[in-house]
Amino acid sequence: MKKPALRWLSDIFAFTTSKVVLLAVLMMCVAKVNASELNVMVNESVMVAELNRSELRQIFTGQRQYWDNGNKITVFVLQDSDELHRQFCRDILQMFPYQLSRLWDQITYSGQGITPIRVTSYQALVDALENTEGAIGYVERTDIVKLRRVEVDLE
């Protein structure tokens, strides 16, 4: 039998637990909404309409360095600590940012290529994509005039 002095405490704990569960469900929903806002974008000079996950991994890991028309691919990314970069790595490339960085280091130190250009802010990323011929990157918005959205086939 519960003591009357502690009964109110158990009621508060039960109420708080339900709040925590509700908050966790809401947080998962917010993460799903944000995932749909991630877009792979290229400079308007790039004539690519669709890329699959394998092609994107080749581009962002430095294995593919030229577009089909022979133009150089310039990859722009945000810092490893940026949430949009982590989301891109996780949802599109299906790898962790540190794994991507290690691959870039291997390419650089072996002399097989150069690493993507890391920018320090979202606006710097957009500016770099707009002003660099052959550029590819990822953004949240699709209303940027000088960029073309690339459909991503994740299957």
C-alpha atoms as a PDB file:
ATOM      1  CA  MET A   1       0.000   0.000   0.000  1.00  0.00           C
ATOM      2  CA  LYS A   2       1.355   3.433  -0.974  1.00  0.00           C
ATOM      3  CA  LYS A   3       1.993   5.998   1.654  1.00  0.00           C
ATOM      4  CA  PRO A   4      -0.104   9.149   1.155  1.00  0.00           C
ATOM      5  CA  ALA A   5       2.944  11.424   1.222  1.00  0.00           C
ATOM      6  CA  LEU A   6       4.566   9.688  -1.777  1.00  0.00           C
ATOM      7  CA  ARG A   7       1.441   9.207  -3.913  1.00  0.00           C
ATOM      8  CA  TRP A   8       1.733  12.694  -5.437  1.00  0.00           C
ATOM      9  CA  LEU A   9       5.348  11.997  -6.325  1.00  0.00           C
ATOM     10  CA  SER A  10       4.445   8.896  -8.318  1.00  0.00           C
ATOM     11  CA  ASP A  11       1.711  10.862 -10.149  1.00  0.00           C
ATOM     12  CA  ILE A  12       4.213  13.551 -11.131  1.00  0.00           C
ATOM     13  CA  PHE A  13       6.732  10.955 -12.299  1.00  0.00           C
ATOM     14  CA  ALA A  14       4.132   9.195 -14.481  1.00  0.00           C
ATOM     15  CA  PHE A  15       3.079  12.526 -15.988  1.00  0.00           C
ATOM     16  CA  THR A  16       6.703  13.494 -16.671  1.00  0.00           C
ATOM     17  CA  THR A  17       7.442  10.154 -18.344  1.00  0.00           C
ATOM     18  CA  SER A  18       4.576  10.664 -20.779  1.00  0.00           C
ATOM     19  CA  LYS A  19       5.932  14.138 -21.569  1.00  0.00           C
ATOM     20  CA  VAL A  20       9.368  12.681 -22.319  1.00  0.00           C
ATOM     21  CA  VAL A  21       7.874  10.059 -24.660  1.00  0.00           C
ATOM     22  CA  LEU A  22       5.825  12.720 -26.449  1.00  0.00           C
ATOM     23  CA  LEU A  23       8.870  14.950 -26.805  1.00  0.00           C
ATOM     24  CA  ALA A  24      10.914  12.068 -28.248  1.00  0.00           C
ATOM     25  CA  VAL A  25       8.219  11.337 -30.846  1.00  0.00           C
ATOM     26  CA  LEU A  26       8.071  15.006 -31.823  1.00  0.00           C
ATOM     27  CA  MET A  27      11.866  15.159 -32.171  1.00  0.00           C
ATOM     28  CA  MET A  28      11.808  12.185 -34.567  1.00  0.00           C
ATOM     29  CA  CYS A  29       9.132  13.885 -36.674  1.00  0.00           C
ATOM     30  CA  VAL A  30      11.186  17.084 -36.877  1.00  0.00           C
ATOM     31  CA  ALA A  31      14.238  15.116 -38.037  1.00  0.00           C
ATOM     32  CA  LYS A  32      12.195  13.570 -40.861  1.00  0.00           C
ATOM     33  CA  VAL A  33      10.927  16.972 -41.995  1.00  0.00           C
ATOM     34  CA  ASN A  34      14.476  18.353 -42.102  1.00  0.00           C
ATOM     35  CA  ALA A  35      15.721  15.360 -44.088  1.00  0.00           C
ATOM     36  CA  SER A  36      13.330  16.187 -46.919  1.00  0.00           C
ATOM     37  CA  GLU A  37      14.768  19.716 -47.173  1.00  0.00           C
ATOM     38  CA  LEU A  38      18.222  18.489 -48.223  1.00  0.00           C
ATOM     39  CA  ASN A  39      18.913  19.055 -51.935  1.00  0.00           C
ATOM     40  CA  VAL A  40      21.900  18.230 -54.114  1.00  0.00           C
ATOM     41  CA  MET A  41      22.594  21.249 -56.317  1.00  0.00           C
ATOM     42  CA  VAL A  42      24.990  21.963 -59.176  1.00  0.00           C
ATOM     43  CA  ASN A  43      26.138  25.135 -60.850  1.00  0.00           C
ATOM     44  CA  GLU A  44      23.982  26.160 -63.805  1.00  0.00           C
ATOM     45  CA  SER A  45      26.875  25.158 -66.135  1.00  0.00           C
ATOM     46  CA  VAL A  46      26.429  21.477 -65.230  1.00  0.00           C
ATOM     47  CA  MET A  47      23.956  19.629 -67.432  1.00  0.00           C
ATOM     48  CA  VAL A  48      23.082  16.780 -65.075  1.00  0.00           C
ATOM     49  CA  ALA A  49      19.472  16.122 -64.117  1.00  0.00           C
ATOM     50  CA  GLU A  50      19.806  12.979 -62.004  1.00  0.00           C
ATOM     51  CA  LEU A  51      22.474  11.107 -60.050  1.00  0.00           C
ATOM     52  CA  ASN A  52      22.169   7.904 -58.071  1.00  0.00           C
ATOM     53  CA  ARG A  53      23.723   7.263 -54.657  1.00  0.00           C
ATOM     54  CA  SER A  54      26.680   5.410 -56.170  1.00  0.00           C
ATOM     55  CA  GLU A  55      27.509   8.309 -58.502  1.00  0.00           C
ATOM     56  CA  LEU A  56      27.237  10.810 -55.647  1.00  0.00           C
ATOM     57  CA  ARG A  57      29.552   8.700 -53.496  1.00  0.00           C
ATOM     58  CA  GLN A  58      32.071   8.572 -56.338  1.00  0.00           C
ATOM     59  CA  ILE A  59      31.909  12.351 -56.742  1.00  0.00           C
ATOM     60  CA  PHE A  60      32.049  13.225 -53.032  1.00  0.00           C
ATOM     61  CA  THR A  61      34.825  10.709 -52.287  1.00  0.00           C
ATOM     62  CA  GLY A  62      36.963  11.967 -55.167  1.00  0.00           C
ATOM     63  CA  GLN A  63      36.803   8.812 -57.280  1.00  0.00           C
ATOM     64  CA  ARG A  64      35.020  10.674 -60.055  1.00  0.00           C
ATOM     65  CA  GLN A  65      36.615  14.018 -60.874  1.00  0.00           C
ATOM     66  CA  TYR A  66      35.097  14.958 -64.256  1.00  0.00           C
ATOM     67  CA  TRP A  67      31.569  15.394 -65.580  1.00  0.00           C
ATOM     68  CA  ASP A  68      30.493  13.415 -68.649  1.00  0.00           C
ATOM     69  CA  ASN A  69      31.297  16.407 -70.895  1.00  0.00           C
ATOM     70  CA  GLY A  70      34.906  16.493 -69.608  1.00  0.00           C
ATOM     71  CA  ASN A  71      34.575  19.513 -67.301  1.00  0.00           C
ATOM     72  CA  LYS A  72      36.254  19.318 -63.887  1.00  0.00           C
ATOM     73  CA  ILE A  73      33.970  18.608 -60.907  1.00  0.00           C
ATOM     74  CA  THR A  74      34.479  20.998 -58.002  1.00  0.00           C
ATOM     75  CA  VAL A  75      32.943  19.714 -54.786  1.00  0.00           C
ATOM     76  CA  PHE A  76      31.956  22.102 -52.007  1.00  0.00           C
ATOM     77  CA  VAL A  77      30.985  20.950 -48.524  1.00  0.00           C
ATOM     78  CA  LEU A  78      30.398  22.428 -45.096  1.00  0.00           C
ATOM     79  CA  GLN A  79      32.568  21.648 -42.067  1.00  0.00           C
ATOM     80  CA  ASP A  80      32.278  18.174 -40.488  1.00  0.00           C
ATOM     81  CA  SER A  81      30.623  19.678 -37.411  1.00  0.00           C
ATOM     82  CA  ASP A  82      27.800  21.311 -39.398  1.00  0.00           C
ATOM     83  CA  GLU A  83      24.423  19.582 -39.019  1.00  0.00           C
ATOM     84  CA  LEU A  84      23.591  19.880 -42.733  1.00  0.00           C
ATOM     85  CA  HIS A  85      26.898  18.164 -43.623  1.00  0.00           C
ATOM     86  CA  ARG A  86      26.250  15.364 -41.137  1.00  0.00           C
ATOM     87  CA  GLN A  87      22.740  14.938 -42.528  1.00  0.00           C
ATOM     88  CA  PHE A  88      24.054  14.804 -46.105  1.00  0.00           C
ATOM     89  CA  CYS A  89      26.661  12.198 -45.185  1.00  0.00           C
ATOM     90  CA  ARG A  90      24.186  10.117 -43.213  1.00  0.00           C
ATOM     91  CA  ASP A  91      21.101  10.308 -45.452  1.00  0.00           C
ATOM     92  CA  ILE A  92      22.556  10.586 -48.958  1.00  0.00           C
ATOM     93  CA  LEU A  93      26.040   9.044 -48.858  1.00  0.00           C
ATOM     94  CA  GLN A  94      25.218   6.609 -46.013  1.00  0.00           C
ATOM     95  CA  MET A  95      28.492   7.221 -44.205  1.00  0.00           C
ATOM     96  CA  PHE A  96      29.750   9.287 -41.291  1.00  0.00           C
ATOM     97  CA  PRO A  97      31.572  12.601 -41.854  1.00  0.00           C
ATOM     98  CA  TYR A  98      34.768  11.198 -40.317  1.00  0.00           C
ATOM     99  CA  GLN A  99      34.722   8.330 -42.833  1.00  0.00           C
ATOM    100  CA  LEU A 100      34.429  10.813 -45.676  1.00  0.00           C
ATOM    101  CA  SER A 101      37.302  12.886 -44.258  1.00  0.00           C
ATOM    102  CA  ARG A 102      39.517   9.797 -44.056  1.00  0.00           C
ATOM    103  CA  LEU A 103      38.837   8.995 -47.699  1.00  0.00           C
ATOM    104  CA  TRP A 104      39.710  12.576 -48.651  1.00  0.00           C
ATOM    105  CA  ASP A 105      42.965  12.299 -46.684  1.00  0.00           C
ATOM    106  CA  GLN A 106      43.876   9.074 -48.496  1.00  0.00           C
ATOM    107  CA  ILE A 107      43.248  10.650 -51.889  1.00  0.00           C
ATOM    108  CA  THR A 108      45.267  13.752 -51.022  1.00  0.00           C
ATOM    109  CA  TYR A 109      48.243  11.986 -49.457  1.00  0.00           C
ATOM    110  CA  SER A 110      48.445   9.403 -52.231  1.00  0.00           C
ATOM    111  CA  GLY A 111      48.453  12.140 -54.874  1.00  0.00           C
ATOM    112  CA  GLN A 112      45.366  10.772 -56.621  1.00  0.00           C
ATOM    113  CA  GLY A 113      43.286  13.922 -56.263  1.00  0.00           C
ATOM    114  CA  ILE A 114      42.293  16.856 -54.145  1.00  0.00           C
ATOM    115  CA  THR A 115      39.803  17.109 -51.336  1.00  0.00           C
ATOM    116  CA  PRO A 116      36.524  18.965 -51.651  1.00  0.00           C
ATOM    117  CA  ILE A 117      36.605  22.609 -50.701  1.00  0.00           C
ATOM    118  CA  ARG A 118      35.278  23.116 -47.178  1.00  0.00           C
ATOM    119  CA  VAL A 119      33.459  26.378 -46.597  1.00  0.00           C
ATOM    120  CA  THR A 120      32.727  27.918 -43.221  1.00  0.00           C
ATOM    121  CA  SER A 121      29.089  28.928 -43.611  1.00  0.00           C
ATOM    122  CA  TYR A 122      25.924  28.086 -45.480  1.00  0.00           C
ATOM    123  CA  GLN A 123      26.009  31.390 -47.379  1.00  0.00           C
ATOM    124  CA  ALA A 124      29.628  30.756 -48.397  1.00  0.00           C
ATOM    125  CA  LEU A 125      28.524  27.359 -49.731  1.00  0.00           C
ATOM    126  CA  VAL A 126      25.739  28.894 -51.811  1.00  0.00           C
ATOM    127  CA  ASP A 127      28.069  31.625 -53.135  1.00  0.00           C
ATOM    128  CA  ALA A 128      30.738  29.080 -54.072  1.00  0.00           C
ATOM    129  CA  LEU A 129      28.233  26.881 -55.906  1.00  0.00           C
ATOM    130  CA  GLU A 130      26.806  29.861 -57.791  1.00  0.00           C
ATOM    131  CA  ASN A 131      30.199  31.230 -58.844  1.00  0.00           C
ATOM    132  CA  THR A 132      32.172  28.069 -59.697  1.00  0.00           C
ATOM    133  CA  GLU A 133      31.710  26.322 -63.011  1.00  0.00           C
ATOM    134  CA  GLY A 134      31.266  22.559 -62.596  1.00  0.00           C
ATOM    135  CA  ALA A 135      30.437  22.861 -58.878  1.00  0.00           C
ATOM    136  CA  ILE A 136      28.330  20.446 -56.859  1.00  0.00           C
ATOM    137  CA  GLY A 137      27.155  20.607 -53.266  1.00  0.00           C
ATOM    138  CA  TYR A 138      24.083  20.417 -51.063  1.00  0.00           C
ATOM    139  CA  VAL A 139      21.687  23.054 -49.772  1.00  0.00           C
ATOM    140  CA  GLU A 140      18.394  23.329 -47.934  1.00  0.00           C
ATOM    141  CA  ARG A 141      16.575  25.579 -50.410  1.00  0.00           C
ATOM    142  CA  THR A 142      15.861  25.106 -54.096  1.00  0.00           C
ATOM    143  CA  ASP A 143      14.985  28.720 -54.942  1.00  0.00           C
ATOM    144  CA  ILE A 144      18.586  29.743 -55.671  1.00  0.00           C
ATOM    145  CA  VAL A 145      18.659  31.262 -59.149  1.00  0.00           C
ATOM    146  CA  LYS A 146      22.112  30.226 -60.414  1.00  0.00           C
ATOM    147  CA  LEU A 147      21.850  26.610 -59.250  1.00  0.00           C
ATOM    148  CA  ARG A 148      20.184  23.553 -60.722  1.00  0.00           C
ATOM    149  CA  ARG A 149      18.628  20.895 -58.490  1.00  0.00           C
ATOM    150  CA  VAL A 150      19.733  17.322 -59.161  1.00  0.00           C
ATOM    151  CA  GLU A 151      17.275  14.512 -58.590  1.00  0.00           C
ATOM    152  CA  VAL A 152      18.838  11.878 -56.361  1.00  0.00           C
ATOM    153  CA  ASP A 153      17.934   8.234 -56.869  1.00  0.00           C
ATOM    154  CA  LEU A 154      18.596   6.583 -53.500  1.00  0.00           C
ATOM    155  CA  GLU A 155      17.699   3.049 -54.548  1.00  0.00           C
END
